[in-house]
Amino acid sequence: MRESVSAGTAVETSGFGTRGAGLEDGRFVIRIQDAAPEFDPTSVPEPDMSVSPMDRRPGGMGVHLMRACTDAMSYRPRPGGGNILTLVRATGPDWTKEG
């Protein structure tokens, strides 16, 4: 695994993919790239929150949590195969989703 920090951006590379994070236009942006089979998390339906957690089958909450903790989530297939997922969160005085 190799890590580098440059100009406010942290990047980590491993055999599974590349992750990068940094500030862009006053927003905190995380970009995740991999070579796995294509999977578009933006197409995953919202979970049925009317079902009690005790009655819900395991799994299915990860994409929900990503949506809840970010202002934007976008996906595109990676050229040559794989996935690119971008997560964005505003920074500054209006950083809360309610703000």
PDB file of N, CA and C in Angstrom:
ATOM      1  N   MET A   1       0.846  -1.174   0.000  1.00  0.00           N
ATOM      2  CA  MET A   1       0.000   0.000   0.000  1.00  0.00           C
ATOM      3  C   MET A   1       0.893   1.239   0.000  1.00  0.00           C
ATOM      4  N   ARG A   2       0.483   2.246  -0.759  1.00  0.00           N
ATOM      5  CA  ARG A   2       1.272   3.467  -0.874  1.00  0.00           C
ATOM      6  C   ARG A   2       0.374   4.640  -0.508  1.00  0.00           C
ATOM      7  N   GLU A   3       0.876   5.568   0.282  1.00  0.00           N
ATOM      8  CA  GLU A   3       0.106   6.752   0.640  1.00  0.00           C
ATOM      9  C   GLU A   3       0.908   7.987   0.272  1.00  0.00           C
ATOM     10  N   SER A   4       0.201   9.009  -0.185  1.00  0.00           N
ATOM     11  CA  SER A   4       0.859  10.281  -0.446  1.00  0.00           C
ATOM     12  C   SER A   4      -0.088  11.408  -0.074  1.00  0.00           C
ATOM     13  N   VAL A   5       0.456  12.519   0.378  1.00  0.00           N
ATOM     14  CA  VAL A   5      -0.346  13.682   0.729  1.00  0.00           C
ATOM     15  C   VAL A   5       0.227  14.850  -0.054  1.00  0.00           C
ATOM     16  N   SER A   6      -0.641  15.565  -0.764  1.00  0.00           N
ATOM     17  CA  SER A   6      -0.186  16.660  -1.596  1.00  0.00           C
ATOM     18  C   SER A   6      -1.313  17.658  -1.795  1.00  0.00           C
ATOM     19  N   ALA A   7      -1.049  18.942  -1.599  1.00  0.00           N
ATOM     20  CA  ALA A   7      -1.998  20.023  -1.870  1.00  0.00           C
ATOM     21  C   ALA A   7      -3.367  19.772  -1.240  1.00  0.00           C
ATOM     22  N   GLY A   8      -3.374  19.282  -0.005  1.00  0.00           N
ATOM     23  CA  GLY A   8      -4.640  19.086   0.692  1.00  0.00           C
ATOM     24  C   GLY A   8      -5.408  17.857   0.258  1.00  0.00           C
ATOM     25  N   THR A   9      -4.807  17.005  -0.540  1.00  0.00           N
ATOM     26  CA  THR A   9      -5.483  15.805  -1.019  1.00  0.00           C
ATOM     27  C   THR A   9      -4.733  14.577  -0.534  1.00  0.00           C
ATOM     28  N   ALA A  10      -5.463  13.662   0.064  1.00  0.00           N
ATOM     29  CA  ALA A  10      -4.861  12.405   0.518  1.00  0.00           C
ATOM     30  C   ALA A  10      -5.289  11.313  -0.450  1.00  0.00           C
ATOM     31  N   VAL A  11      -4.335  10.495  -0.874  1.00  0.00           N
ATOM     32  CA  VAL A  11      -4.631   9.413  -1.804  1.00  0.00           C
ATOM     33  C   VAL A  11      -3.992   8.142  -1.270  1.00  0.00           C
ATOM     34  N   GLU A  12      -4.742   7.071  -1.297  1.00  0.00           N
ATOM     35  CA  GLU A  12      -4.235   5.769  -0.871  1.00  0.00           C
ATOM     36  C   GLU A  12      -4.498   4.787  -2.003  1.00  0.00           C
ATOM     37  N   THR A  13      -3.482   4.015  -2.370  1.00  0.00           N
ATOM     38  CA  THR A  13      -3.618   3.051  -3.452  1.00  0.00           C
ATOM     39  C   THR A  13      -3.322   1.668  -2.908  1.00  0.00           C
ATOM     40  N   SER A  14      -4.172   0.726  -3.255  1.00  0.00           N
ATOM     41  CA  SER A  14      -3.958  -0.662  -2.859  1.00  0.00           C
ATOM     42  C   SER A  14      -4.316  -1.549  -4.035  1.00  0.00           C
ATOM     43  N   GLY A  15      -4.250  -2.834  -3.854  1.00  0.00           N
ATOM     44  CA  GLY A  15      -4.613  -3.760  -4.916  1.00  0.00           C
ATOM     45  C   GLY A  15      -6.094  -3.749  -5.229  1.00  0.00           C
ATOM     46  N   PHE A  16      -6.899  -3.148  -4.370  1.00  0.00           N
ATOM     47  CA  PHE A  16      -8.345  -3.149  -4.558  1.00  0.00           C
ATOM     48  C   PHE A  16      -8.860  -1.912  -5.264  1.00  0.00           C
ATOM     49  N   GLY A  17      -8.105  -0.838  -5.272  1.00  0.00           N
ATOM     50  CA  GLY A  17      -8.578   0.382  -5.916  1.00  0.00           C
ATOM     51  C   GLY A  17      -7.854   1.589  -5.371  1.00  0.00           C
ATOM     52  N   THR A  18      -8.372   2.763  -5.718  1.00  0.00           N
ATOM     53  CA  THR A  18      -7.781   4.021  -5.306  1.00  0.00           C
ATOM     54  C   THR A  18      -8.843   4.850  -4.613  1.00  0.00           C
ATOM     55  N   ARG A  19      -8.453   5.482  -3.522  1.00  0.00           N
ATOM     56  CA  ARG A  19      -9.345   6.379  -2.811  1.00  0.00           C
ATOM     57  C   ARG A  19      -8.647   7.712  -2.681  1.00  0.00           C
ATOM     58  N   GLY A  20      -9.362   8.781  -2.926  1.00  0.00           N
ATOM     59  CA  GLY A  20      -8.795  10.105  -2.778  1.00  0.00           C
ATOM     60  C   GLY A  20      -9.781  11.006  -2.081  1.00  0.00           C
ATOM     61  N   ALA A  21      -9.281  11.955  -1.295  1.00  0.00           N
ATOM     62  CA  ALA A  21     -10.142  12.894  -0.593  1.00  0.00           C
ATOM     63  C   ALA A  21      -9.466  14.251  -0.559  1.00  0.00           C
ATOM     64  N   GLY A  22     -10.269  15.293  -0.668  1.00  0.00           N
ATOM     65  CA  GLY A  22      -9.715  16.633  -0.599  1.00  0.00           C
ATOM     66  C   GLY A  22     -10.807  17.681  -0.707  1.00  0.00           C
ATOM     67  N   LEU A  23     -10.406  18.935  -0.606  1.00  0.00           N
ATOM     68  CA  LEU A  23     -11.331  20.048  -0.727  1.00  0.00           C
ATOM     69  C   LEU A  23     -11.362  20.529  -2.167  1.00  0.00           C
ATOM     70  N   GLU A  24     -12.558  20.692  -2.698  1.00  0.00           N
ATOM     71  CA  GLU A  24     -12.759  21.215  -4.046  1.00  0.00           C
ATOM     72  C   GLU A  24     -13.903  22.216  -3.987  1.00  0.00           C
ATOM     73  N   ASP A  25     -13.628  23.473  -4.297  1.00  0.00           N
ATOM     74  CA  ASP A  25     -14.653  24.516  -4.327  1.00  0.00           C
ATOM     75  C   ASP A  25     -15.456  24.571  -3.031  1.00  0.00           C
ATOM     76  N   GLY A  26     -14.777  24.496  -1.885  1.00  0.00           N
ATOM     77  CA  GLY A  26     -15.439  24.592  -0.598  1.00  0.00           C
ATOM     78  C   GLY A  26     -16.239  23.362  -0.210  1.00  0.00           C
ATOM     79  N   ARG A  27     -15.991  22.259  -0.896  1.00  0.00           N
ATOM     80  CA  ARG A  27     -16.688  21.010  -0.586  1.00  0.00           C
ATOM     81  C   ARG A  27     -15.649  19.934  -0.315  1.00  0.00           C
ATOM     82  N   PHE A  28     -15.972  19.029   0.613  1.00  0.00           N
ATOM     83  CA  PHE A  28     -15.119  17.879   0.882  1.00  0.00           C
ATOM     84  C   PHE A  28     -15.541  16.779  -0.080  1.00  0.00           C
ATOM     85  N   VAL A  29     -14.616  16.306  -0.910  1.00  0.00           N
ATOM     86  CA  VAL A  29     -14.924  15.343  -1.962  1.00  0.00           C
ATOM     87  C   VAL A  29     -14.099  14.076  -1.744  1.00  0.00           C
ATOM     88  N   ILE A  30     -14.792  12.940  -1.771  1.00  0.00           N
ATOM     89  CA  ILE A  30     -14.135  11.635  -1.699  1.00  0.00           C
ATOM     90  C   ILE A  30     -14.418  10.919  -3.013  1.00  0.00           C
ATOM     91  N   ARG A  31     -13.369  10.428  -3.670  1.00  0.00           N
ATOM     92  CA  ARG A  31     -13.512   9.682  -4.912  1.00  0.00           C
ATOM     93  C   ARG A  31     -12.931   8.288  -4.708  1.00  0.00           C
ATOM     94  N   ILE A  32     -13.724   7.276  -5.020  1.00  0.00           N
ATOM     95  CA  ILE A  32     -13.308   5.886  -4.859  1.00  0.00           C
ATOM     96  C   ILE A  32     -13.352   5.222  -6.229  1.00  0.00           C
ATOM     97  N   GLN A  33     -12.239   4.612  -6.639  1.00  0.00           N
ATOM     98  CA  GLN A  33     -12.181   3.903  -7.917  1.00  0.00           C
ATOM     99  C   GLN A  33     -11.757   2.465  -7.653  1.00  0.00           C
ATOM    100  N   ASP A  34     -12.338   1.540  -8.402  1.00  0.00           N
ATOM    101  CA  ASP A  34     -11.918   0.143  -8.290  1.00  0.00           C
ATOM    102  C   ASP A  34     -12.032  -0.534  -9.644  1.00  0.00           C
ATOM    103  N   ALA A  35     -11.594  -1.772  -9.712  1.00  0.00           N
ATOM    104  CA  ALA A  35     -11.665  -2.558 -10.938  1.00  0.00           C
ATOM    105  C   ALA A  35     -12.663  -3.701 -10.787  1.00  0.00           C
ATOM    106  N   ALA A  36     -13.572  -3.579  -9.841  1.00  0.00           N
ATOM    107  CA  ALA A  36     -14.582  -4.612  -9.581  1.00  0.00           C
ATOM    108  C   ALA A  36     -15.658  -4.583 -10.668  1.00  0.00           C
ATOM    109  N   PRO A  37     -16.504  -5.601 -10.712  1.00  0.00           N
ATOM    110  CA  PRO A  37     -17.633  -5.556 -11.650  1.00  0.00           C
ATOM    111  C   PRO A  37     -18.469  -4.298 -11.407  1.00  0.00           C
ATOM    112  N   GLU A  38     -19.041  -3.762 -12.479  1.00  0.00           N
ATOM    113  CA  GLU A  38     -19.815  -2.521 -12.361  1.00  0.00           C
ATOM    114  C   GLU A  38     -20.947  -2.666 -11.361  1.00  0.00           C
ATOM    115  N   PHE A  39     -21.057  -1.654 -10.484  1.00  0.00           N
ATOM    116  CA  PHE A  39     -22.132  -1.586  -9.497  1.00  0.00           C
ATOM    117  C   PHE A  39     -22.443  -0.120  -9.266  1.00  0.00           C
ATOM    118  N   ASP A  40     -23.672   0.281  -9.567  1.00  0.00           N
ATOM    119  CA  ASP A  40     -24.095   1.672  -9.416  1.00  0.00           C
ATOM    120  C   ASP A  40     -24.894   1.825  -8.129  1.00  0.00           C
ATOM    121  N   PRO A  41     -24.271   2.314  -7.041  1.00  0.00           N
ATOM    122  CA  PRO A  41     -25.002   2.454  -5.785  1.00  0.00           C
ATOM    123  C   PRO A  41     -26.104   3.506  -5.849  1.00  0.00           C
ATOM    124  N   THR A  42     -26.029   4.425  -6.825  1.00  0.00           N
ATOM    125  CA  THR A  42     -27.097   5.427  -6.933  1.00  0.00           C
ATOM    126  C   THR A  42     -28.397   4.812  -7.428  1.00  0.00           C
ATOM    127  N   SER A  43     -28.342   3.590  -7.957  1.00  0.00           N
ATOM    128  CA  SER A  43     -29.557   2.925  -8.435  1.00  0.00           C
ATOM    129  C   SER A  43     -30.202   2.039  -7.362  1.00  0.00           C
ATOM    130  N   VAL A  44     -29.556   1.931  -6.200  1.00  0.00           N
ATOM    131  CA  VAL A  44     -30.093   1.112  -5.105  1.00  0.00           C
ATOM    132  C   VAL A  44     -31.297   1.840  -4.503  1.00  0.00           C
ATOM    133  N   PRO A  45     -32.448   1.161  -4.381  1.00  0.00           N
ATOM    134  CA  PRO A  45     -33.615   1.828  -3.811  1.00  0.00           C
ATOM    135  C   PRO A  45     -33.424   2.142  -2.327  1.00  0.00           C
ATOM    136  N   GLU A  46     -34.126   3.148  -1.859  1.00  0.00           N
ATOM    137  CA  GLU A  46     -34.099   3.487  -0.433  1.00  0.00           C
ATOM    138  C   GLU A  46     -34.671   2.315   0.364  1.00  0.00           C
ATOM    139  N   PRO A  47     -34.121   2.035   1.547  1.00  0.00           N
ATOM    140  CA  PRO A  47     -34.669   0.949   2.361  1.00  0.00           C
ATOM    141  C   PRO A  47     -36.036   1.342   2.921  1.00  0.00           C
ATOM    142  N   ASP A  48     -36.828   0.359   3.241  1.00  0.00           N
ATOM    143  CA  ASP A  48     -38.141   0.588   3.852  1.00  0.00           C
ATOM    144  C   ASP A  48     -37.921   0.875   5.328  1.00  0.00           C
ATOM    145  N   MET A  49     -37.924   2.150   5.693  1.00  0.00           N
ATOM    146  CA  MET A  49     -37.641   2.546   7.067  1.00  0.00           C
ATOM    147  C   MET A  49     -38.829   2.294   7.994  1.00  0.00           C
ATOM    148  N   SER A  50     -39.970   1.874   7.433  1.00  0.00           N
ATOM    149  CA  SER A  50     -41.116   1.559   8.287  1.00  0.00           C
ATOM    150  C   SER A  50     -40.944   0.187   8.951  1.00  0.00           C
ATOM    151  N   VAL A  51     -39.996  -0.604   8.457  1.00  0.00           N
ATOM    152  CA  VAL A  51     -39.721  -1.925   9.033  1.00  0.00           C
ATOM    153  C   VAL A  51     -38.756  -1.744  10.200  1.00  0.00           C
ATOM    154  N   SER A  52     -39.081  -2.335  11.342  1.00  0.00           N
ATOM    155  CA  SER A  52     -38.229  -2.268  12.523  1.00  0.00           C
ATOM    156  C   SER A  52     -36.860  -2.870  12.216  1.00  0.00           C
ATOM    157  N   PRO A  53     -35.772  -2.282  12.748  1.00  0.00           N
ATOM    158  CA  PRO A  53     -34.441  -2.871  12.538  1.00  0.00           C
ATOM    159  C   PRO A  53     -34.367  -4.333  12.990  1.00  0.00           C
ATOM    160  N   MET A  54     -35.146  -4.702  13.980  1.00  0.00           N
ATOM    161  CA  MET A  54     -35.146  -6.083  14.464  1.00  0.00           C
ATOM    162  C   MET A  54     -35.813  -7.029  13.468  1.00  0.00           C
ATOM    163  N   ASP A  55     -36.694  -6.489  12.609  1.00  0.00           N
ATOM    164  CA  ASP A  55     -37.410  -7.317  11.637  1.00  0.00           C
ATOM    165  C   ASP A  55     -36.809  -7.242  10.242  1.00  0.00           C
ATOM    166  N   ARG A  56     -35.871  -6.344  10.038  1.00  0.00           N
ATOM    167  CA  ARG A  56     -35.264  -6.146   8.720  1.00  0.00           C
ATOM    168  C   ARG A  56     -34.180  -7.183   8.499  1.00  0.00           C
ATOM    169  N   ARG A  57     -34.052  -7.640   7.260  1.00  0.00           N
ATOM    170  CA  ARG A  57     -32.975  -8.583   6.961  1.00  0.00           C
ATOM    171  C   ARG A  57     -31.635  -7.852   7.037  1.00  0.00           C
ATOM    172  N   PRO A  58     -30.556  -8.554   7.372  1.00  0.00           N
ATOM    173  CA  PRO A  58     -29.241  -7.907   7.466  1.00  0.00           C
ATOM    174  C   PRO A  58     -28.816  -7.323   6.118  1.00  0.00           C
ATOM    175  N   GLY A  59     -28.088  -6.231   6.188  1.00  0.00           N
ATOM    176  CA  GLY A  59     -27.558  -5.595   4.983  1.00  0.00           C
ATOM    177  C   GLY A  59     -28.496  -4.552   4.423  1.00  0.00           C
ATOM    178  N   GLY A  60     -28.006  -3.851   3.410  1.00  0.00           N
ATOM    179  CA  GLY A  60     -28.830  -2.884   2.713  1.00  0.00           C
ATOM    180  C   GLY A  60     -28.831  -1.483   3.285  1.00  0.00           C
ATOM    181  N   MET A  61     -28.051  -1.226   4.325  1.00  0.00           N
ATOM    182  CA  MET A  61     -28.061   0.111   4.927  1.00  0.00           C
ATOM    183  C   MET A  61     -26.830   0.944   4.560  1.00  0.00           C
ATOM    184  N   GLY A  62     -25.813   0.335   3.955  1.00  0.00           N
ATOM    185  CA  GLY A  62     -24.591   1.078   3.633  1.00  0.00           C
ATOM    186  C   GLY A  62     -24.822   2.226   2.673  1.00  0.00           C
ATOM    187  N   VAL A  63     -25.546   1.984   1.585  1.00  0.00           N
ATOM    188  CA  VAL A  63     -25.822   3.047   0.613  1.00  0.00           C
ATOM    189  C   VAL A  63     -26.718   4.103   1.260  1.00  0.00           C
ATOM    190  N   HIS A  64     -27.663   3.662   2.086  1.00  0.00           N
ATOM    191  CA  HIS A  64     -28.532   4.608   2.799  1.00  0.00           C
ATOM    192  C   HIS A  64     -27.688   5.545   3.672  1.00  0.00           C
ATOM    193  N   LEU A  65     -26.709   4.996   4.382  1.00  0.00           N
ATOM    194  CA  LEU A  65     -25.849   5.819   5.229  1.00  0.00           C
ATOM    195  C   LEU A  65     -24.993   6.775   4.400  1.00  0.00           C
ATOM    196  N   MET A  66     -24.503   6.326   3.246  1.00  0.00           N
ATOM    197  CA  MET A  66     -23.733   7.226   2.382  1.00  0.00           C
ATOM    198  C   MET A  66     -24.604   8.398   1.933  1.00  0.00           C
ATOM    199  N   ARG A  67     -25.842   8.114   1.551  1.00  0.00           N
ATOM    200  CA  ARG A  67     -26.756   9.188   1.141  1.00  0.00           C
ATOM    201  C   ARG A  67     -27.050  10.136   2.294  1.00  0.00           C
ATOM    202  N   ALA A  68     -27.258   9.575   3.493  1.00  0.00           N
ATOM    203  CA  ALA A  68     -27.618  10.392   4.650  1.00  0.00           C
ATOM    204  C   ALA A  68     -26.467  11.299   5.094  1.00  0.00           C
ATOM    205  N   CYS A  69     -25.232  10.886   4.862  1.00  0.00           N
ATOM    206  CA  CYS A  69     -24.070  11.635   5.349  1.00  0.00           C
ATOM    207  C   CYS A  69     -23.434  12.537   4.305  1.00  0.00           C
ATOM    208  N   THR A  70     -23.985  12.566   3.102  1.00  0.00           N
ATOM    209  CA  THR A  70     -23.403  13.401   2.048  1.00  0.00           C
ATOM    210  C   THR A  70     -24.467  14.302   1.426  1.00  0.00           C
ATOM    211  N   ASP A  71     -24.006  15.308   0.718  1.00  0.00           N
ATOM    212  CA  ASP A  71     -24.906  16.199  -0.014  1.00  0.00           C
ATOM    213  C   ASP A  71     -25.123  15.713  -1.437  1.00  0.00           C
ATOM    214  N   ALA A  72     -24.173  14.946  -1.951  1.00  0.00           N
ATOM    215  CA  ALA A  72     -24.288  14.420  -3.312  1.00  0.00           C
ATOM    216  C   ALA A  72     -23.482  13.133  -3.422  1.00  0.00           C
ATOM    217  N   MET A  73     -23.996  12.230  -4.251  1.00  0.00           N
ATOM    218  CA  MET A  73     -23.311  10.965  -4.520  1.00  0.00           C
ATOM    219  C   MET A  73     -23.495  10.692  -6.004  1.00  0.00           C
ATOM    220  N   SER A  74     -22.388  10.493  -6.713  1.00  0.00           N
ATOM    221  CA  SER A  74     -22.506  10.213  -8.145  1.00  0.00           C
ATOM    222  C   SER A  74     -21.656   8.994  -8.500  1.00  0.00           C
ATOM    223  N   TYR A  75     -22.066   8.325  -9.555  1.00  0.00           N
ATOM    224  CA  TYR A  75     -21.401   7.110 -10.010  1.00  0.00           C
ATOM    225  C   TYR A  75     -21.190   7.189 -11.512  1.00  0.00           C
ATOM    226  N   ARG A  76     -20.085   6.601 -11.946  1.00  0.00           N
ATOM    227  CA  ARG A  76     -19.883   6.379 -13.384  1.00  0.00           C
ATOM    228  C   ARG A  76     -18.998   5.154 -13.543  1.00  0.00           C
ATOM    229  N   PRO A  77     -19.214   4.411 -14.636  1.00  0.00           N
ATOM    230  CA  PRO A  77     -18.330   3.269 -14.901  1.00  0.00           C
ATOM    231  C   PRO A  77     -16.908   3.772 -15.146  1.00  0.00           C
ATOM    232  N   ARG A  78     -15.947   3.025 -14.715  1.00  0.00           N
ATOM    233  CA  ARG A  78     -14.548   3.378 -14.925  1.00  0.00           C
ATOM    234  C   ARG A  78     -14.129   2.904 -16.309  1.00  0.00           C
ATOM    235  N   PRO A  79     -13.483   3.774 -17.094  1.00  0.00           N
ATOM    236  CA  PRO A  79     -13.009   3.344 -18.409  1.00  0.00           C
ATOM    237  C   PRO A  79     -12.095   2.123 -18.270  1.00  0.00           C
ATOM    238  N   GLY A  80     -12.359   1.107 -19.037  1.00  0.00           N
ATOM    239  CA  GLY A  80     -11.570  -0.116 -18.962  1.00  0.00           C
ATOM    240  C   GLY A  80     -12.106  -1.110 -17.945  1.00  0.00           C
ATOM    241  N   GLY A  81     -13.194  -0.759 -17.273  1.00  0.00           N
ATOM    242  CA  GLY A  81     -13.814  -1.657 -16.297  1.00  0.00           C
ATOM    243  C   GLY A  81     -13.680  -1.144 -14.880  1.00  0.00           C
ATOM    244  N   GLY A  82     -14.698  -1.366 -14.113  1.00  0.00           N
ATOM    245  CA  GLY A  82     -14.680  -0.939 -12.718  1.00  0.00           C
ATOM    246  C   GLY A  82     -15.660   0.185 -12.455  1.00  0.00           C
ATOM    247  N   ASN A  83     -15.447   0.863 -11.347  1.00  0.00           N
ATOM    248  CA  ASN A  83     -16.387   1.857 -10.843  1.00  0.00           C
ATOM    249  C   ASN A  83     -15.661   3.093 -10.347  1.00  0.00           C
ATOM    250  N   ILE A  84     -16.338   4.241 -10.467  1.00  0.00           N
ATOM    251  CA  ILE A  84     -15.875   5.487  -9.852  1.00  0.00           C
ATOM    252  C   ILE A  84     -17.063   6.051  -9.084  1.00  0.00           C
ATOM    253  N   LEU A  85     -16.921   6.171  -7.773  1.00  0.00           N
ATOM    254  CA  LEU A  85     -17.961   6.716  -6.917  1.00  0.00           C
ATOM    255  C   LEU A  85     -17.437   8.002  -6.304  1.00  0.00           C
ATOM    256  N   THR A  86     -18.225   9.076  -6.394  1.00  0.00           N
ATOM    257  CA  THR A  86     -17.844  10.365  -5.823  1.00  0.00           C
ATOM    258  C   THR A  86     -18.866  10.760  -4.771  1.00  0.00           C
ATOM    259  N   LEU A  87     -18.369  11.080  -3.573  1.00  0.00           N
ATOM    260  CA  LEU A  87     -19.202  11.526  -2.462  1.00  0.00           C
ATOM    261  C   LEU A  87     -18.814  12.959  -2.132  1.00  0.00           C
ATOM    262  N   VAL A  88     -19.810  13.835  -1.930  1.00  0.00           N
ATOM    263  CA  VAL A  88     -19.545  15.258  -1.710  1.00  0.00           C
ATOM    264  C   VAL A  88     -20.271  15.717  -0.455  1.00  0.00           C
ATOM    265  N   ARG A  89     -19.571  16.503   0.360  1.00  0.00           N
ATOM    266  CA  ARG A  89     -20.164  17.103   1.557  1.00  0.00           C
ATOM    267  C   ARG A  89     -19.725  18.558   1.613  1.00  0.00           C
ATOM    268  N   ALA A  90     -20.687  19.471   1.783  1.00  0.00           N
ATOM    269  CA  ALA A  90     -20.366  20.894   1.892  1.00  0.00           C
ATOM    270  C   ALA A  90     -19.562  21.144   3.160  1.00  0.00           C
ATOM    271  N   THR A  91     -18.726  22.183   3.144  1.00  0.00           N
ATOM    272  CA  THR A  91     -17.963  22.584   4.321  1.00  0.00           C
ATOM    273  C   THR A  91     -18.313  24.018   4.654  1.00  0.00           C
ATOM    274  N   GLY A  92     -17.800  24.509   5.739  1.00  0.00           N
ATOM    275  CA  GLY A  92     -18.037  25.891   6.118  1.00  0.00           C
ATOM    276  C   GLY A  92     -19.254  26.048   7.006  1.00  0.00           C
ATOM    277  N   PRO A  93     -19.761  27.280   7.139  1.00  0.00           N
ATOM    278  CA  PRO A  93     -20.839  27.550   8.082  1.00  0.00           C
ATOM    279  C   PRO A  93     -22.153  26.822   7.762  1.00  0.00           C
ATOM    280  N   ASP A  94     -22.371  26.438   6.533  1.00  0.00           N
ATOM    281  CA  ASP A  94     -23.610  25.764   6.146  1.00  0.00           C
ATOM    282  C   ASP A  94     -23.369  24.284   5.914  1.00  0.00           C
ATOM    283  N   TRP A  95     -22.529  23.672   6.735  1.00  0.00           N
ATOM    284  CA  TRP A  95     -22.126  22.277   6.478  1.00  0.00           C
ATOM    285  C   TRP A  95     -23.185  21.253   6.789  1.00  0.00           C
ATOM    286  N   THR A  96     -24.207  21.560   7.566  1.00  0.00           N
ATOM    287  CA  THR A  96     -25.222  20.555   7.872  1.00  0.00           C
ATOM    288  C   THR A  96     -26.224  20.454   6.752  1.00  0.00           C
ATOM    289  N   LYS A  97     -26.776  19.269   6.552  1.00  0.00           N
ATOM    290  CA  LYS A  97     -27.788  19.068   5.508  1.00  0.00           C
ATOM    291  C   LYS A  97     -29.005  19.921   5.771  1.00  0.00           C
ATOM    292  N   GLU A  98     -29.310  20.173   7.069  1.00  0.00           N
ATOM    293  CA  GLU A  98     -30.475  20.979   7.415  1.00  0.00           C
ATOM    294  C   GLU A  98     -30.209  22.462   7.169  1.00  0.00           C
ATOM    295  N   GLY A  99     -28.906  22.853   7.161  1.00  0.00           N
ATOM    296  CA  GLY A  99     -28.516  24.256   7.079  1.00  0.00           C
ATOM    297  C   GLY A  99     -28.689  24.798   5.731  1.00  0.00           C
TER     298      GLY A  99
END
